[in-house]
Amino acid sequence: MVRTIKEATVKSFHYTSINELRRHVRDWLVAYNFAKQLKALRFKTPYEAIEELWKSKPDIFNMEPHHHMLGLNT
């Protein structure tokens, strides 16, 4: 995963500040978690896997997981 992030951010773009890098990594992770289907998760996105687990076993979560997902308004 670290290699994938590094290739998509640091090795592809030049950043003028650390905050610009952090913002780009955060945006990339949000896109990855909502779009990339992973074989280990039976071809679901990480968000879909967490949501399915929350629906089947809500007692193992302290809060609803979608309250902590980054989105358009964060």
N, C-alpha and C. Protein backbone atom coordinates (compact mmCIF):
# COMPACT_ATOMS: atom_id res chain seq x y z
N MET A 1 0.82 -1.19 0.00
CA MET A 1 0.00 0.00 0.00
C MET A 1 0.87 1.25 0.00
N VAL A 2 1.94 1.26 0.76
CA VAL A 2 2.81 2.43 0.82
C VAL A 2 3.41 2.71 -0.55
N ARG A 3 3.80 1.66 -1.25
CA ARG A 3 4.36 1.84 -2.59
C ARG A 3 3.33 2.45 -3.53
N THR A 4 2.10 2.01 -3.45
CA THR A 4 1.04 2.54 -4.30
C THR A 4 0.81 4.02 -4.03
N ILE A 5 0.77 4.39 -2.76
CA ILE A 5 0.58 5.80 -2.39
C ILE A 5 1.76 6.64 -2.87
N LYS A 6 2.95 6.13 -2.65
CA LYS A 6 4.15 6.87 -3.04
C LYS A 6 4.20 7.10 -4.55
N GLU A 7 3.86 6.08 -5.32
CA GLU A 7 3.87 6.24 -6.78
C GLU A 7 2.80 7.20 -7.27
N ALA A 8 1.67 7.24 -6.58
CA ALA A 8 0.57 8.12 -7.00
C ALA A 8 0.75 9.55 -6.55
N THR A 9 1.61 9.79 -5.58
CA THR A 9 1.76 11.14 -5.04
C THR A 9 3.18 11.67 -5.20
N VAL A 10 4.07 11.25 -4.37
CA VAL A 10 5.41 11.82 -4.29
C VAL A 10 6.21 11.64 -5.57
N LYS A 11 6.12 10.47 -6.19
CA LYS A 11 6.90 10.22 -7.40
C LYS A 11 6.27 10.81 -8.66
N SER A 12 5.04 11.31 -8.55
CA SER A 12 4.36 11.85 -9.72
C SER A 12 4.20 13.37 -9.71
N PHE A 13 4.28 13.98 -8.54
CA PHE A 13 4.03 15.41 -8.42
C PHE A 13 5.11 16.08 -7.58
N HIS A 14 5.24 17.38 -7.75
CA HIS A 14 6.14 18.20 -6.93
C HIS A 14 5.27 19.06 -6.01
N TYR A 15 5.58 19.06 -4.74
CA TYR A 15 4.79 19.81 -3.76
C TYR A 15 5.62 20.96 -3.21
N THR A 16 4.97 22.10 -3.05
CA THR A 16 5.67 23.27 -2.52
C THR A 16 5.68 23.30 -1.01
N SER A 17 4.77 22.55 -0.37
CA SER A 17 4.74 22.51 1.09
C SER A 17 4.26 21.14 1.57
N ILE A 18 4.51 20.86 2.81
CA ILE A 18 4.07 19.60 3.40
C ILE A 18 2.55 19.54 3.49
N ASN A 19 1.91 20.67 3.69
CA ASN A 19 0.45 20.71 3.75
C ASN A 19 -0.18 20.34 2.41
N GLU A 20 0.45 20.77 1.33
CA GLU A 20 -0.03 20.41 0.00
C GLU A 20 0.09 18.90 -0.22
N LEU A 21 1.18 18.31 0.23
CA LEU A 21 1.36 16.86 0.13
C LEU A 21 0.32 16.13 0.97
N ARG A 22 0.12 16.57 2.19
CA ARG A 22 -0.88 15.94 3.07
C ARG A 22 -2.28 16.00 2.46
N ARG A 23 -2.64 17.15 1.90
CA ARG A 23 -3.95 17.30 1.29
C ARG A 23 -4.12 16.35 0.10
N HIS A 24 -3.08 16.23 -0.71
CA HIS A 24 -3.15 15.34 -1.87
C HIS A 24 -3.23 13.88 -1.45
N VAL A 25 -2.46 13.48 -0.43
CA VAL A 25 -2.52 12.09 0.06
C VAL A 25 -3.90 11.79 0.64
N ARG A 26 -4.46 12.74 1.40
CA ARG A 26 -5.80 12.55 1.97
C ARG A 26 -6.84 12.40 0.86
N ASP A 27 -6.78 13.25 -0.14
CA ASP A 27 -7.72 13.18 -1.26
C ASP A 27 -7.57 11.86 -2.02
N TRP A 28 -6.32 11.43 -2.21
CA TRP A 28 -6.08 10.17 -2.90
C TRP A 28 -6.63 8.99 -2.12
N LEU A 29 -6.44 8.99 -0.79
CA LEU A 29 -6.97 7.90 0.04
C LEU A 29 -8.49 7.85 0.02
N VAL A 30 -9.14 8.98 0.02
CA VAL A 30 -10.60 9.00 -0.06
C VAL A 30 -11.05 8.39 -1.38
N ALA A 31 -10.43 8.78 -2.46
CA ALA A 31 -10.79 8.22 -3.76
C ALA A 31 -10.51 6.73 -3.80
N TYR A 32 -9.41 6.30 -3.23
CA TYR A 32 -9.05 4.88 -3.22
C TYR A 32 -10.06 4.07 -2.42
N ASN A 33 -10.44 4.56 -1.25
CA ASN A 33 -11.35 3.81 -0.39
C ASN A 33 -12.76 3.71 -0.96
N PHE A 34 -13.16 4.64 -1.78
CA PHE A 34 -14.49 4.60 -2.35
C PHE A 34 -14.52 4.00 -3.76
N ALA A 35 -13.36 3.77 -4.38
CA ALA A 35 -13.36 3.32 -5.77
C ALA A 35 -12.66 1.99 -6.02
N LYS A 36 -11.59 1.72 -5.31
CA LYS A 36 -10.77 0.53 -5.61
C LYS A 36 -11.40 -0.73 -5.04
N GLN A 37 -11.69 -1.68 -5.91
CA GLN A 37 -12.23 -2.96 -5.47
C GLN A 37 -11.06 -3.90 -5.22
N LEU A 38 -11.00 -4.47 -4.02
CA LEU A 38 -9.88 -5.30 -3.63
C LEU A 38 -10.23 -6.78 -3.64
N LYS A 39 -9.34 -7.58 -4.16
CA LYS A 39 -9.56 -9.02 -4.24
C LYS A 39 -9.69 -9.62 -2.84
N ALA A 40 -8.90 -9.15 -1.89
CA ALA A 40 -8.94 -9.66 -0.51
C ALA A 40 -10.28 -9.41 0.16
N LEU A 41 -11.02 -8.42 -0.31
CA LEU A 41 -12.34 -8.09 0.24
C LEU A 41 -13.45 -8.61 -0.65
N ARG A 42 -13.16 -9.62 -1.44
CA ARG A 42 -14.12 -10.22 -2.38
C ARG A 42 -14.65 -9.17 -3.37
N PHE A 43 -13.72 -8.40 -3.89
CA PHE A 43 -14.00 -7.37 -4.91
C PHE A 43 -14.99 -6.31 -4.45
N LYS A 44 -14.87 -5.94 -3.19
CA LYS A 44 -15.61 -4.80 -2.64
C LYS A 44 -14.61 -3.70 -2.36
N THR A 45 -15.11 -2.48 -2.26
CA THR A 45 -14.25 -1.39 -1.85
C THR A 45 -14.08 -1.47 -0.33
N PRO A 46 -13.03 -0.86 0.22
CA PRO A 46 -12.88 -0.87 1.68
C PRO A 46 -14.10 -0.29 2.40
N TYR A 47 -14.69 0.76 1.84
CA TYR A 47 -15.87 1.35 2.47
C TYR A 47 -17.04 0.37 2.47
N GLU A 48 -17.25 -0.34 1.36
CA GLU A 48 -18.35 -1.31 1.29
C GLU A 48 -18.14 -2.45 2.28
N ALA A 49 -16.89 -2.88 2.47
CA ALA A 49 -16.60 -3.95 3.41
C ALA A 49 -16.89 -3.52 4.85
N ILE A 50 -16.49 -2.31 5.21
CA ILE A 50 -16.76 -1.80 6.56
C ILE A 50 -18.26 -1.64 6.77
N GLU A 51 -18.96 -1.11 5.78
CA GLU A 51 -20.39 -0.92 5.89
C GLU A 51 -21.13 -2.25 6.05
N GLU A 52 -20.71 -3.26 5.31
CA GLU A 52 -21.33 -4.58 5.41
C GLU A 52 -21.08 -5.20 6.79
N LEU A 53 -19.87 -5.05 7.31
CA LEU A 53 -19.55 -5.56 8.64
C LEU A 53 -20.36 -4.83 9.70
N TRP A 54 -20.52 -3.52 9.54
CA TRP A 54 -21.30 -2.75 10.50
C TRP A 54 -22.76 -3.19 10.51
N LYS A 55 -23.32 -3.50 9.33
CA LYS A 55 -24.71 -3.95 9.25
C LYS A 55 -24.90 -5.33 9.87
N SER A 56 -23.88 -6.20 9.75
CA SER A 56 -24.03 -7.56 10.28
C SER A 56 -23.66 -7.65 11.76
N LYS A 57 -22.71 -6.82 12.23
CA LYS A 57 -22.27 -6.86 13.63
C LYS A 57 -22.13 -5.43 14.18
N PRO A 58 -23.22 -4.73 14.39
CA PRO A 58 -23.10 -3.34 14.84
C PRO A 58 -22.57 -3.21 16.27
N ASP A 59 -22.65 -4.27 17.06
CA ASP A 59 -22.20 -4.18 18.45
C ASP A 59 -20.68 -4.08 18.59
N ILE A 60 -19.90 -4.40 17.56
CA ILE A 60 -18.44 -4.29 17.67
C ILE A 60 -17.95 -2.88 17.36
N PHE A 61 -18.83 -2.01 16.89
CA PHE A 61 -18.47 -0.63 16.59
C PHE A 61 -18.94 0.29 17.71
N ASN A 62 -18.14 1.29 18.03
CA ASN A 62 -18.55 2.30 19.01
C ASN A 62 -19.49 3.32 18.39
N MET A 63 -19.26 3.65 17.13
CA MET A 63 -20.08 4.62 16.41
C MET A 63 -20.30 4.10 14.99
N GLU A 64 -21.26 4.69 14.32
CA GLU A 64 -21.50 4.32 12.93
C GLU A 64 -20.27 4.71 12.10
N PRO A 65 -19.77 3.80 11.29
CA PRO A 65 -18.53 4.08 10.56
C PRO A 65 -18.63 5.21 9.54
N HIS A 66 -19.79 5.46 8.97
CA HIS A 66 -19.88 6.51 7.95
C HIS A 66 -19.77 7.91 8.55
N HIS A 67 -19.83 8.05 9.87
CA HIS A 67 -19.63 9.36 10.49
C HIS A 67 -18.17 9.78 10.47
N HIS A 68 -17.27 8.82 10.30
CA HIS A 68 -15.84 9.12 10.31
C HIS A 68 -15.18 9.06 8.94
N MET A 69 -15.96 8.84 7.91
CA MET A 69 -15.42 8.80 6.56
C MET A 69 -15.24 10.22 6.04
N LEU A 70 -14.13 10.46 5.40
CA LEU A 70 -13.92 11.75 4.76
C LEU A 70 -14.79 11.84 3.53
N GLY A 71 -15.29 13.00 3.28
CA GLY A 71 -16.14 13.18 2.12
C GLY A 71 -16.00 14.56 1.53
N LEU A 72 -17.01 14.98 0.81
CA LEU A 72 -16.94 16.24 0.10
C LEU A 72 -16.89 17.45 1.04
N ASN A 73 -17.47 17.37 2.19
CA ASN A 73 -17.54 18.53 3.08
C ASN A 73 -16.48 18.56 4.15
N THR A 74 -15.40 17.81 4.00
CA THR A 74 -14.35 17.82 5.02
C THR A 74 -13.11 18.50 4.52
